[in-house]
Protein backbone atom coordinates (compact mmCIF):
# COMPACT_ATOMS: atom_id res chain seq x y z
CA MET A 1 51.90 15.89 -33.99
CA ASN A 2 50.82 17.46 -30.70
CA GLU A 3 52.63 14.71 -28.77
CA ARG A 4 55.82 15.31 -30.75
CA HIS A 5 55.54 19.07 -30.17
CA THR A 6 54.99 18.52 -26.44
CA ALA A 7 57.97 16.16 -26.22
CA MET A 8 60.19 18.63 -28.07
CA SER A 9 59.09 21.48 -25.80
CA ALA A 10 59.87 19.39 -22.73
CA HIS A 11 63.28 18.50 -24.19
CA LEU A 12 64.08 22.16 -24.84
CA ARG A 13 63.02 23.13 -21.31
CA THR A 14 65.47 20.51 -20.05
CA ILE A 15 68.53 21.44 -22.09
CA LEU A 16 68.20 25.21 -22.66
CA PRO A 17 68.76 26.42 -19.06
CA PRO A 18 72.04 24.54 -18.51
CA LEU A 19 73.18 25.38 -22.04
CA PHE A 20 72.56 29.08 -21.40
CA LEU A 21 74.43 28.84 -18.09
CA LEU A 22 77.46 27.32 -19.79
CA LEU A 23 77.52 29.90 -22.58
CA LEU A 24 77.16 32.78 -20.12
CA THR A 25 79.94 31.42 -17.91
CA VAL A 26 82.32 31.03 -20.85
CA SER A 27 81.51 34.55 -22.08
CA VAL A 28 82.39 35.96 -18.65
CA PHE A 29 85.50 33.91 -17.88
CA HIS A 30 87.11 33.25 -21.28
CA PRO A 31 89.66 36.10 -20.84
CA SER A 32 91.23 34.02 -18.05
CA LEU A 33 92.61 31.73 -20.77
CA GLU A 34 94.97 34.56 -21.74
CA ASN A 35 96.12 35.20 -18.17
CA GLY A 36 99.57 34.24 -17.00
CA TRP A 37 101.17 33.35 -13.67
CA THR A 38 101.24 35.45 -10.51
CA THR A 39 103.67 35.53 -7.62
CA PHE A 40 100.75 34.93 -5.26
CA ASP A 41 101.45 31.22 -4.52
CA ASP A 42 101.37 30.16 -8.20
CA ASP A 43 105.14 29.84 -8.00
CA LEU A 44 105.03 27.77 -4.81
CA TYR A 45 102.35 25.37 -6.02
CA VAL A 46 103.43 24.96 -9.64
CA VAL A 47 106.12 27.08 -11.30
CA ASP A 48 108.92 26.44 -8.79
CA ASN A 49 107.57 23.12 -7.49
CA PRO A 50 109.37 20.16 -9.12
CA ASP A 51 106.95 17.75 -7.44
CA VAL A 52 104.31 18.54 -10.08
CA HIS A 53 106.69 18.74 -13.05
CA GLY A 54 105.97 15.36 -14.51
CA TRP A 55 103.73 12.37 -13.96
CA THR A 56 106.22 10.11 -12.18
CA ALA A 57 106.09 7.67 -9.27
CA GLN A 58 108.44 9.92 -7.31
CA ASN A 59 106.17 12.93 -7.79
CA LEU A 60 103.10 10.92 -6.87
CA ARG A 61 104.78 9.85 -3.63
CA ALA A 62 105.71 13.47 -2.96
CA VAL A 63 102.24 14.96 -3.39
CA TRP A 64 100.64 12.18 -1.30
CA SER A 65 103.21 12.27 1.48
CA HIS A 66 103.38 15.92 2.55
CA PRO A 67 101.44 19.21 2.50
CA TYR A 68 102.17 22.30 0.44
CA ILE A 69 102.03 25.75 2.01
CA GLY A 70 100.38 24.17 5.03
CA SER A 71 97.66 22.38 3.03
CA TYR A 72 97.41 18.65 2.38
CA GLN A 73 95.65 18.42 -0.98
CA PRO A 74 97.02 15.49 -3.01
CA LEU A 75 94.15 15.27 -5.50
CA THR A 76 94.47 18.96 -6.30
CA MET A 77 98.23 18.60 -6.73
CA MET A 78 97.62 15.74 -9.15
CA THR A 79 95.58 18.08 -11.36
CA TYR A 80 98.66 20.30 -11.61
CA MET A 81 100.69 17.24 -12.60
CA ALA A 82 98.16 16.47 -15.33
CA ASP A 83 98.32 20.06 -16.60
CA TYR A 84 102.11 19.94 -16.69
CA ALA A 85 101.97 16.71 -18.69
CA VAL A 86 99.78 18.48 -21.27
CA GLY A 87 101.41 21.90 -21.52
CA ARG A 88 104.39 22.01 -19.16
CA LEU A 89 104.33 25.59 -17.80
CA ASP A 90 101.92 27.05 -20.35
CA ALA A 91 99.61 29.01 -18.02
CA SER A 92 96.69 28.81 -20.48
CA VAL A 93 96.47 25.04 -19.90
CA TYR A 94 96.10 25.53 -16.15
CA HIS A 95 93.53 28.29 -16.61
CA ALA A 96 91.58 26.10 -19.05
CA THR A 97 91.44 23.31 -16.47
CA SER A 98 90.17 25.65 -13.74
CA LEU A 99 87.53 27.08 -16.07
CA GLY A 100 86.52 23.60 -17.21
CA VAL A 101 86.03 22.42 -13.63
CA HIS A 102 84.03 25.58 -12.87
CA LEU A 103 81.74 24.83 -15.83
CA ILE A 104 81.13 21.33 -14.45
CA ASN A 105 80.41 22.87 -11.05
CA VAL A 106 77.84 25.22 -12.60
CA LEU A 107 75.98 22.19 -13.99
CA LEU A 108 76.28 20.35 -10.67
CA THR A 109 74.89 23.39 -8.83
CA TYR A 110 71.94 23.39 -11.20
CA LEU A 111 71.33 19.66 -10.62
CA LEU A 112 71.69 19.98 -6.84
CA SER A 113 69.31 22.95 -6.68
CA PHE A 114 66.84 21.14 -8.96
CA ARG A 115 66.86 18.19 -6.57
CA LEU A 116 66.67 20.21 -3.35
CA THR A 117 63.77 22.35 -4.62
CA GLN A 118 61.75 19.32 -5.75
CA ARG A 119 62.34 19.90 -9.46
CA ASP A 120 61.86 23.67 -9.55
CA ARG A 121 63.72 24.56 -12.77
CA SER A 122 63.41 28.32 -12.29
CA ALA A 123 64.90 28.27 -8.79
CA ALA A 124 67.65 25.90 -9.91
CA PHE A 125 68.49 28.16 -12.87
CA VAL A 126 68.74 31.30 -10.74
CA THR A 127 70.86 29.56 -8.10
CA ALA A 128 73.27 28.21 -10.70
CA LEU A 129 73.35 31.59 -12.46
CA VAL A 130 74.47 33.39 -9.31
CA PHE A 131 77.03 30.67 -8.65
CA ALA A 132 78.32 30.90 -12.21
CA VAL A 133 79.03 34.63 -12.47
CA HIS A 134 79.13 36.14 -8.98
CA PRO A 135 82.18 38.45 -9.02
CA ALA A 136 83.47 36.96 -5.75
CA HIS A 137 83.91 33.67 -7.62
CA VAL A 138 86.47 35.08 -10.03
CA GLU A 139 89.27 34.38 -7.55
CA PRO A 140 88.89 30.57 -7.35
CA VAL A 141 88.44 30.32 -11.13
CA ALA A 142 91.05 32.79 -12.41
CA TRP A 143 93.73 32.15 -9.79
CA ILE A 144 95.73 29.00 -10.53
CA ALA A 145 96.80 28.57 -6.90
CA SER A 146 93.12 28.42 -5.90
CA ARG A 147 92.59 25.19 -7.86
CA LYS A 148 91.72 23.37 -4.62
CA ASP A 149 88.50 25.39 -4.32
CA VAL A 150 87.04 24.35 -7.67
CA VAL A 151 88.25 20.75 -7.45
CA SER A 152 86.96 20.19 -3.92
CA ALA A 153 83.66 21.82 -4.93
CA LEU A 154 83.26 19.29 -7.74
CA PHE A 155 83.42 16.39 -5.28
CA ALA A 156 81.36 18.19 -2.63
CA LEU A 157 78.54 19.04 -5.04
CA SER A 158 78.57 15.49 -6.41
CA ALA A 159 78.34 14.11 -2.87
CA LEU A 160 75.41 16.40 -2.05
CA ILE A 161 73.56 15.41 -5.24
CA VAL A 162 73.97 11.72 -4.49
CA TYR A 163 73.02 12.20 -0.84
CA ALA A 164 69.90 14.24 -1.64
CA GLY A 165 68.76 11.54 -4.09
CA GLY A 166 67.75 9.00 -1.46
CA SER A 167 69.02 6.51 1.09
CA GLY A 168 70.61 3.07 1.01
CA VAL A 169 73.92 1.48 1.92
CA ARG A 170 75.45 1.76 -1.56
CA ARG A 171 74.45 5.39 -1.85
CA ARG A 172 75.88 6.11 1.59
CA TRP A 173 79.26 4.56 0.68
CA ALA A 174 79.26 6.49 -2.61
CA VAL A 175 78.75 9.70 -0.63
CA THR A 176 81.57 8.70 1.75
CA PHE A 177 83.89 8.14 -1.22
CA LEU A 178 83.06 11.54 -2.74
CA PHE A 179 83.42 13.23 0.65
CA THR A 180 86.86 11.67 1.07
CA ALA A 181 87.84 12.94 -2.38
CA ALA A 182 86.65 16.42 -1.38
CA VAL A 183 88.80 16.57 1.77
CA LEU A 184 91.77 15.21 -0.18
CA SER A 185 91.32 18.19 -2.49
CA LYS A 186 90.84 20.77 0.26
CA GLY A 187 90.88 20.09 3.99
CA ALA A 188 88.18 22.65 4.80
CA MET A 189 85.62 20.31 3.23
CA PHE A 190 85.62 18.38 6.52
CA VAL A 191 82.37 20.23 7.29
CA LEU A 192 80.41 18.28 4.65
CA PRO A 193 78.82 15.75 7.06
CA PHE A 194 77.10 18.66 8.78
CA LEU A 195 75.69 19.72 5.40
CA PHE A 196 74.30 16.22 4.96
CA LEU A 197 72.48 16.64 8.28
CA ALA A 198 71.06 19.93 7.00
CA VAL A 199 69.79 18.09 3.91
CA ASP A 200 68.17 15.53 6.24
CA ARG A 201 66.28 18.32 8.00
CA LEU A 202 65.20 19.92 4.72
CA GLN A 203 63.83 16.59 3.50
CA GLY A 204 61.85 16.05 6.70
CA ARG A 205 64.04 13.53 8.46
CA THR A 206 63.54 14.00 12.21
CA ASP A 207 65.60 11.19 13.74
CA TRP A 208 68.80 13.18 14.21
CA ARG A 209 70.59 10.58 16.31
CA ARG A 210 70.16 7.87 13.71
CA ALA A 211 71.06 10.29 10.91
CA ALA A 212 74.28 11.25 12.68
CA ALA A 213 75.11 7.66 13.70
CA GLU A 214 74.94 6.35 10.14
CA LYS A 215 77.50 8.98 9.12
CA TRP A 216 80.11 7.85 11.66
CA PRO A 217 82.75 6.98 9.01
CA MET A 218 82.47 10.50 7.60
CA PHE A 219 82.69 12.12 11.02
CA VAL A 220 85.83 10.10 11.72
CA ILE A 221 87.33 11.28 8.42
CA ALA A 222 86.24 14.85 9.24
CA GLY A 223 87.89 14.72 12.65
CA VAL A 224 91.14 13.36 11.27
CA THR A 225 91.12 15.96 8.48
CA ALA A 226 90.43 18.90 10.79
CA THR A 227 93.12 17.79 13.25
CA GLY A 228 95.59 17.21 10.44
CA ALA A 229 94.86 20.63 8.95
CA LEU A 230 95.53 22.30 12.29
CA PHE A 231 98.88 20.52 12.59
CA THR A 232 99.99 21.20 9.00
CA GLN A 233 99.00 24.85 9.23
CA SER A 234 100.87 25.15 12.53
CA ALA A 235 103.95 23.49 11.06
CA ALA A 236 103.86 25.99 8.18
CA GLY A 237 103.72 28.88 10.65
CA ALA A 238 100.23 29.91 9.53
CA VAL A 239 98.50 29.60 12.92
CA ARG A 240 98.92 32.86 14.81
CA THR A 241 98.66 33.68 18.50
CA PHE A 242 95.06 34.67 19.14
CA SER A 243 93.59 36.00 22.36
CA VAL A 244 90.10 35.19 23.61
CA HIS A 245 89.21 38.81 22.93
CA GLU A 246 90.18 38.42 19.26
CA ALA A 247 88.48 35.03 18.93
CA LEU A 248 85.21 36.60 20.08
CA ALA A 249 85.45 39.87 18.15
CA VAL A 250 86.71 38.79 14.71
CA PRO A 251 84.30 35.95 13.64
CA PRO A 252 81.17 38.18 13.66
CA TYR A 253 83.09 40.78 11.66
CA ALA A 254 84.21 38.20 9.11
CA LEU A 255 80.69 36.75 8.88
CA LEU A 256 79.16 40.17 8.24
CA PHE A 257 81.88 40.83 5.66
CA TYR A 258 80.86 37.73 3.68
CA LEU A 259 77.16 38.62 3.91
CA GLN A 260 77.85 42.12 2.65
CA LYS A 261 79.97 40.96 -0.28
CA PHE A 262 77.15 38.68 -1.41
CA ALA A 263 74.91 41.68 -2.03
CA VAL A 264 77.48 44.42 -2.74
CA TRP A 265 80.64 43.18 -4.42
CA SER A 266 82.46 46.50 -4.81
CA GLY A 267 85.94 46.60 -3.35
CA LEU A 268 86.78 42.96 -4.05
CA SER A 269 90.45 42.24 -3.45
CA ALA A 270 92.89 39.34 -3.49
CA VAL A 271 93.86 40.38 0.05
CA TYR A 272 91.74 41.72 2.89
CA PRO A 273 94.19 42.68 5.64
CA PHE A 274 93.47 41.73 9.21
CA PRO A 275 92.06 44.69 11.21
CA VAL A 276 94.86 46.64 12.86
CA LYS A 277 94.65 47.25 16.58
CA ASN A 278 95.13 50.68 18.07
CA GLY A 279 95.86 50.73 21.77
CA GLY A 280 94.99 47.06 22.02
CA LEU A 281 91.56 47.54 20.45
CA PHE A 282 90.18 46.84 16.99
CA PRO A 283 88.38 49.53 14.95
CA ALA A 284 84.79 50.18 16.03
CA ALA A 285 83.45 48.37 12.93
CA VAL A 286 84.79 45.07 14.29
CA TYR A 287 82.92 45.39 17.58
CA GLY A 288 79.84 46.78 15.86
CA SER A 289 79.49 43.58 13.88
CA ALA A 290 78.54 41.45 16.89
CA PRO A 291 75.19 43.13 17.67
CA ILE A 292 74.26 43.10 13.97
CA VAL A 293 74.99 39.39 13.73
CA ALA A 294 73.05 38.83 16.98
CA SER A 295 70.05 40.67 15.49
CA LEU A 296 70.27 38.52 12.38
CA ALA A 297 70.36 35.41 14.60
CA VAL A 298 67.14 36.52 16.29
CA LEU A 299 65.53 37.00 12.87
CA VAL A 300 66.65 33.53 11.81
CA TRP A 301 65.15 32.06 14.97
CA GLN A 302 61.83 33.69 14.17
CA ILE A 303 61.71 32.18 10.67
CA ARG A 304 63.18 28.82 11.63
CA HIS A 305 59.95 27.05 10.60
CA ARG A 306 60.57 27.92 6.95
CA PRO A 307 62.58 24.88 5.84
CA MET A 308 64.31 26.32 2.78
CA VAL A 309 65.33 29.53 4.52
CA LEU A 310 66.77 27.64 7.45
CA PHE A 311 68.54 25.19 5.15
CA GLY A 312 70.08 27.96 3.08
CA LEU A 313 71.43 29.76 6.12
CA LEU A 314 72.80 26.54 7.60
CA PHE A 315 74.43 25.75 4.24
CA PHE A 316 76.11 29.14 4.22
CA LEU A 317 77.19 29.11 7.87
CA ILE A 318 78.57 25.57 7.79
CA LEU A 319 80.74 26.29 4.75
CA VAL A 320 82.11 29.65 5.94
CA ALA A 321 82.64 28.49 9.54
CA PRO A 322 86.25 27.32 8.96
CA ALA A 323 87.07 30.73 7.45
CA LEU A 324 85.72 32.92 10.27
CA GLN A 325 89.09 33.15 12.01
CA ALA A 326 88.00 31.74 15.38
CA VAL A 327 91.46 30.18 15.01
CA ARG A 328 93.65 32.65 13.18
CA PHE A 329 95.35 31.04 10.19
CA SER A 330 96.74 34.04 8.35
CA ASN A 331 97.10 37.80 8.16
CA ILE A 332 93.90 38.13 6.14
CA VAL A 333 90.47 38.44 7.69
CA ALA A 334 88.55 37.00 4.73
CA ALA A 335 88.97 35.77 1.15
CA ASP A 336 86.66 35.65 -1.87
CA ARG A 337 87.44 31.98 -2.49
CA PHE A 338 85.77 30.96 0.78
CA THR A 339 82.40 32.01 -0.68
CA TYR A 340 82.60 29.71 -3.70
CA LEU A 341 80.12 27.12 -2.42
CA ALA A 342 78.78 29.06 0.56
CA TYR A 343 76.84 31.59 -1.51
CA ILE A 344 74.65 28.77 -2.85
CA GLY A 345 73.05 28.74 0.58
CA LEU A 346 72.18 32.44 0.43
CA THR A 347 70.92 32.23 -3.15
CA LEU A 348 68.70 29.15 -2.91
CA PRO A 349 65.95 30.56 -0.60
CA LEU A 350 65.83 33.78 -2.63
CA ALA A 351 65.55 31.79 -5.84
CA VAL A 352 62.71 29.66 -4.44
CA TRP A 353 60.88 32.80 -3.32
CA GLY A 354 61.37 34.42 -6.73
CA SER A 355 60.15 31.31 -8.54
CA ARG A 356 57.02 31.15 -6.40
CA SER A 357 56.37 34.87 -6.86
CA TRP A 358 56.72 34.42 -10.63
CA ARG A 359 54.20 31.59 -10.73
CA GLU A 360 51.68 33.26 -8.47
CA GLY A 361 52.25 36.94 -9.24
CA GLN A 362 50.49 39.36 -11.53
CA ARG A 363 51.97 40.49 -14.80
CA TRP A 364 53.58 43.64 -13.33
CA ARG A 365 55.30 41.56 -10.67
CA LYS A 366 56.65 39.17 -13.27
CA LEU A 367 58.04 42.08 -15.29
CA LEU A 368 59.65 43.48 -12.15
CA LEU A 369 61.25 40.14 -11.27
CA PHE A 370 62.50 39.68 -14.82
CA ALA A 371 63.98 43.19 -14.91
CA ALA A 372 65.68 42.66 -11.55
CA MET A 373 67.19 39.33 -12.60
CA ALA A 374 68.33 40.64 -15.98
CA GLY A 375 69.83 43.71 -14.35
CA TRP A 376 71.66 41.62 -11.75
CA MET A 377 72.98 39.24 -14.41
CA ALA A 378 74.29 42.09 -16.53
CA ALA A 379 75.92 43.92 -13.60
CA ALA A 380 77.44 40.78 -12.08
CA GLY A 381 78.60 39.41 -15.42
CA LEU A 382 80.29 42.66 -16.42
CA SER A 383 81.93 43.04 -13.00
CA ALA A 384 83.18 39.45 -13.05
CA HIS A 385 84.45 39.82 -16.63
CA GLU A 386 86.38 42.94 -15.62
CA ARG A 387 87.76 41.31 -12.49
CA VAL A 388 89.19 38.40 -14.49
CA GLY A 389 91.70 40.91 -15.85
CA VAL A 390 92.96 41.68 -12.36
CA TRP A 391 94.44 38.16 -12.29
CA ARG A 392 96.23 38.66 -15.63
CA ASP A 393 99.69 38.80 -14.03
CA SER A 394 101.48 39.86 -10.86
CA ALA A 395 101.64 43.52 -11.84
CA ALA A 396 97.90 43.81 -12.43
CA LEU A 397 97.09 41.81 -9.29
CA TRP A 398 99.23 43.75 -6.84
CA LYS A 399 98.31 47.07 -8.43
CA ASP A 400 94.67 46.28 -7.68
CA VAL A 401 95.45 45.24 -4.11
CA LEU A 402 97.59 48.31 -3.39
CA THR A 403 94.97 50.61 -4.89
CA LYS A 404 92.56 49.39 -2.22
CA TYR A 405 95.06 48.90 0.60
CA PRO A 406 98.01 51.27 -0.04
CA ASP A 407 99.50 50.63 3.43
CA LEU A 408 99.52 46.83 3.05
CA PHE A 409 103.32 46.41 2.87
CA ARG A 410 104.31 49.32 5.09
């Protein structure tokens, strides 16, 4: 009887955390199923794009042979084709697919965190919880045109789980396959091989040259993808003239912006306009970001011997690096969707610390940690639930943007 009770308890500990995560995610994001289309690229990717209106050989050739809005993402475009085959232009079908992929990604985040923390269920649960309902993640889930973010994340998380599970030729080729699928869903995933090197360091692998050399097929794919992305973005007119002064000033500002939105998510917007120059100079906040980021870099250097902290920061920095505007790709300085995977890196060390404090702490500390986590979950969940409504239609979306940036179109 005791053995049966123990086995049942172990089984419940295994299934209850991911089940709770799924139920919470659905409760937060289910209003997106009632959302419609927006004029923010939904029309260009799907509504007015005949290349995804039907599962035909001609359409398959089209989505595999050229980019859309400067992005080569054939696997993502194929998901639109599948949605059209199911519901034609019924927006609820497309929203259901995005939410479904996000739910899978929540489970994958839990599994990846469980593996990286050496089977720490509490840390894995907290990391997946933050990933599931962080208000900044509403954009990639509730915006149909951001499908590439959730689809590429599915392949990227799968690749990381396989990679963190051990070595071997078959495993390495499986990771290469998943990495290739990720970059065919979103070009910015070319940074994944660098994440694999960060996993190597976390797991105590010290032979960096050998670790990098065995990944040569992935680095070749990454180089081709990054070069191709630069050319397709340039052809679409997205790459803007950028001075050395701007290339040095803007990335620290963008990096600090993403760090701030992780902790304080007020003021989220579908558009964050590029800082406007006055007399050839940016606002003081842009230049003030550099010394703050430099101070943070010094702090990171001082705690570099803490493996999980260093890994988390590398995870975050590697994933946001393509979005820091060292090469200017648009008139926005940042976007919520670029944090979709990156915030896992900021959450994981905090979750490990919280889990350890829970196990080793006194009762009052446990109550404090529980209250803080419950409070965060409630605040984040309610904010995310409310933000889903912003993506209801074009009127709601642009009203929200113009409320925050009334001079955007002037």
